[in-house]
Amino acid sequence: MGRRHASHEYPAPASSGAVVREVPAGTFKNTCLQLLDQVQQQEFEIVVTKHGKPVARLVPIESKGATGFGFMRGTVVSHGDLVSPDPEAWGEFG
């Protein structure tokens, strides 16, 4: 019989404030879908280990913020026609 590994919980780095749960790779393999649901619902991190060494981190997706489309609407100021050439500015080269 193989060794049974217990999962461990410890605090995440101070920047995140989340709880991190350490799970051996074999346990992760057997319970992957359940762990994905837990990470999403309870918003904690999982560190997957092989032979006690961290190899991967599963983290929840940050909540959806504003999209990249239209986020600068109303912030651009127009100062005339920027496309047409200005013959005075080009002088003899225009």
C-alpha atoms as a PDB file:
ATOM      1  CA  MET A   1       0.000   0.000   0.000  1.00  0.00           C
ATOM      2  CA  GLY A   2       1.121   3.536  -0.765  1.00  0.00           C
ATOM      3  CA  ARG A   3       1.710   6.175   1.848  1.00  0.00           C
ATOM      4  CA  ARG A   4      -1.191   8.434   2.674  1.00  0.00           C
ATOM      5  CA  HIS A   5      -0.443  12.113   2.543  1.00  0.00           C
ATOM      6  CA  ALA A   6      -2.463  14.560   4.533  1.00  0.00           C
ATOM      7  CA  SER A   7      -3.203  17.962   3.096  1.00  0.00           C
ATOM      8  CA  HIS A   8      -1.965  20.921   5.080  1.00  0.00           C
ATOM      9  CA  GLU A   9      -3.300  24.445   5.418  1.00  0.00           C
ATOM     10  CA  TYR A  10      -1.189  27.500   6.112  1.00  0.00           C
ATOM     11  CA  PRO A  11      -1.586  31.238   5.553  1.00  0.00           C
ATOM     12  CA  ALA A  12      -0.732  32.612   2.134  1.00  0.00           C
ATOM     13  CA  PRO A  13       1.845  35.364   1.745  1.00  0.00           C
ATOM     14  CA  ALA A  14       0.847  38.540   3.574  1.00  0.00           C
ATOM     15  CA  SER A  15      -0.089  40.275   0.325  1.00  0.00           C
ATOM     16  CA  SER A  16      -3.026  37.992  -0.457  1.00  0.00           C
ATOM     17  CA  GLY A  17      -4.509  37.224   2.966  1.00  0.00           C
ATOM     18  CA  ALA A  18      -5.941  33.959   1.594  1.00  0.00           C
ATOM     19  CA  VAL A  19      -5.575  30.502   3.088  1.00  0.00           C
ATOM     20  CA  VAL A  20      -3.356  28.081   1.181  1.00  0.00           C
ATOM     21  CA  ARG A  21      -4.060  24.361   1.262  1.00  0.00           C
ATOM     22  CA  GLU A  22      -1.228  21.986   0.378  1.00  0.00           C
ATOM     23  CA  VAL A  23      -2.355  18.858  -1.488  1.00  0.00           C
ATOM     24  CA  PRO A  24      -0.187  15.965  -2.716  1.00  0.00           C
ATOM     25  CA  ALA A  25      -0.320  15.372  -6.486  1.00  0.00           C
ATOM     26  CA  GLY A  26      -2.014  11.972  -6.101  1.00  0.00           C
ATOM     27  CA  THR A  27      -4.794  13.455  -3.980  1.00  0.00           C
ATOM     28  CA  PHE A  28      -5.147  16.329  -6.428  1.00  0.00           C
ATOM     29  CA  LYS A  29      -5.458  13.866  -9.309  1.00  0.00           C
ATOM     30  CA  ASN A  30      -8.225  11.922  -7.549  1.00  0.00           C
ATOM     31  CA  THR A  31     -10.203  14.966  -6.373  1.00  0.00           C
ATOM     32  CA  CYS A  32      -9.368  17.579  -9.022  1.00  0.00           C
ATOM     33  CA  LEU A  33     -12.940  18.588  -9.923  1.00  0.00           C
ATOM     34  CA  GLN A  34     -13.986  18.887  -6.282  1.00  0.00           C
ATOM     35  CA  LEU A  35     -10.933  20.987  -5.492  1.00  0.00           C
ATOM     36  CA  LEU A  36     -11.623  23.282  -8.462  1.00  0.00           C
ATOM     37  CA  ASP A  37     -15.140  23.886  -7.152  1.00  0.00           C
ATOM     38  CA  GLN A  38     -13.836  24.564  -3.640  1.00  0.00           C
ATOM     39  CA  VAL A  39     -11.241  27.043  -4.867  1.00  0.00           C
ATOM     40  CA  GLN A  40     -13.883  28.891  -6.858  1.00  0.00           C
ATOM     41  CA  GLN A  41     -16.532  28.951  -4.118  1.00  0.00           C
ATOM     42  CA  GLN A  42     -14.380  29.467  -1.022  1.00  0.00           C
ATOM     43  CA  GLU A  43     -11.646  31.554  -2.668  1.00  0.00           C
ATOM     44  CA  PHE A  44      -8.556  29.855  -1.274  1.00  0.00           C
ATOM     45  CA  GLU A  45      -5.384  28.628  -2.943  1.00  0.00           C
ATOM     46  CA  ILE A  46      -4.108  25.095  -3.400  1.00  0.00           C
ATOM     47  CA  VAL A  47      -0.432  24.245  -3.694  1.00  0.00           C
ATOM     48  CA  VAL A  48       0.085  20.861  -5.363  1.00  0.00           C
ATOM     49  CA  THR A  49       3.157  18.988  -4.126  1.00  0.00           C
ATOM     50  CA  LYS A  50       5.202  16.044  -5.362  1.00  0.00           C
ATOM     51  CA  HIS A  51       7.278  14.300  -2.730  1.00  0.00           C
ATOM     52  CA  GLY A  52       6.607  17.227  -0.380  1.00  0.00           C
ATOM     53  CA  LYS A  53       7.914  19.873  -2.796  1.00  0.00           C
ATOM     54  CA  PRO A  54       5.554  22.494  -4.287  1.00  0.00           C
ATOM     55  CA  VAL A  55       5.109  22.101  -8.063  1.00  0.00           C
ATOM     56  CA  ALA A  56       1.944  24.050  -8.910  1.00  0.00           C
ATOM     57  CA  ARG A  57      -0.497  26.559  -7.454  1.00  0.00           C
ATOM     58  CA  LEU A  58      -4.249  26.648  -8.101  1.00  0.00           C
ATOM     59  CA  VAL A  59      -5.770  30.054  -7.402  1.00  0.00           C
ATOM     60  CA  PRO A  60      -9.251  31.487  -7.959  1.00  0.00           C
ATOM     61  CA  ILE A  61      -9.783  33.856 -10.856  1.00  0.00           C
ATOM     62  CA  GLU A  62     -10.067  37.440  -9.674  1.00  0.00           C
ATOM     63  CA  SER A  63     -13.575  38.803  -9.833  1.00  0.00           C
ATOM     64  CA  LYS A  64     -14.414  40.331 -13.166  1.00  0.00           C
ATOM     65  CA  GLY A  65     -13.739  44.021 -13.349  1.00  0.00           C
ATOM     66  CA  ALA A  66     -14.154  46.439 -16.200  1.00  0.00           C
ATOM     67  CA  THR A  67     -13.277  45.113 -19.626  1.00  0.00           C
ATOM     68  CA  GLY A  68     -10.606  46.605 -21.846  1.00  0.00           C
ATOM     69  CA  PHE A  69     -13.202  47.971 -24.246  1.00  0.00           C
ATOM     70  CA  GLY A  70     -14.282  51.531 -23.636  1.00  0.00           C
ATOM     71  CA  PHE A  71     -12.371  52.002 -20.384  1.00  0.00           C
ATOM     72  CA  MET A  72     -10.824  55.259 -21.674  1.00  0.00           C
ATOM     73  CA  ARG A  73     -14.033  56.670 -23.149  1.00  0.00           C
ATOM     74  CA  GLY A  74     -14.253  60.403 -22.509  1.00  0.00           C
ATOM     75  CA  THR A  75     -10.564  60.804 -21.627  1.00  0.00           C
ATOM     76  CA  VAL A  76      -9.178  61.811 -25.055  1.00  0.00           C
ATOM     77  CA  VAL A  77      -9.120  65.498 -26.030  1.00  0.00           C
ATOM     78  CA  SER A  78      -9.209  66.440 -29.711  1.00  0.00           C
ATOM     79  CA  HIS A  79      -7.215  69.439 -30.954  1.00  0.00           C
ATOM     80  CA  GLY A  80      -8.254  69.741 -34.571  1.00  0.00           C
ATOM     81  CA  ASP A  81      -7.440  67.579 -37.567  1.00  0.00           C
ATOM     82  CA  LEU A  82      -4.486  65.326 -36.773  1.00  0.00           C
ATOM     83  CA  VAL A  83      -4.520  63.484 -40.106  1.00  0.00           C
ATOM     84  CA  SER A  84      -4.349  66.204 -42.786  1.00  0.00           C
ATOM     85  CA  PRO A  85      -0.875  67.584 -43.549  1.00  0.00           C
ATOM     86  CA  ASP A  86       0.007  71.125 -42.476  1.00  0.00           C
ATOM     87  CA  PRO A  87       1.810  72.801 -45.430  1.00  0.00           C
ATOM     88  CA  GLU A  88       3.119  75.601 -43.217  1.00  0.00           C
ATOM     89  CA  ALA A  89       4.803  73.148 -40.853  1.00  0.00           C
ATOM     90  CA  TRP A  90       6.517  71.313 -43.747  1.00  0.00           C
ATOM     91  CA  GLY A  91       7.691  74.470 -45.541  1.00  0.00           C
ATOM     92  CA  GLU A  92       9.615  73.617 -48.697  1.00  0.00           C
ATOM     93  CA  PHE A  93       9.402  69.850 -47.957  1.00  0.00           C
ATOM     94  CA  GLY A  94       5.577  69.838 -48.210  1.00  0.00           C
END
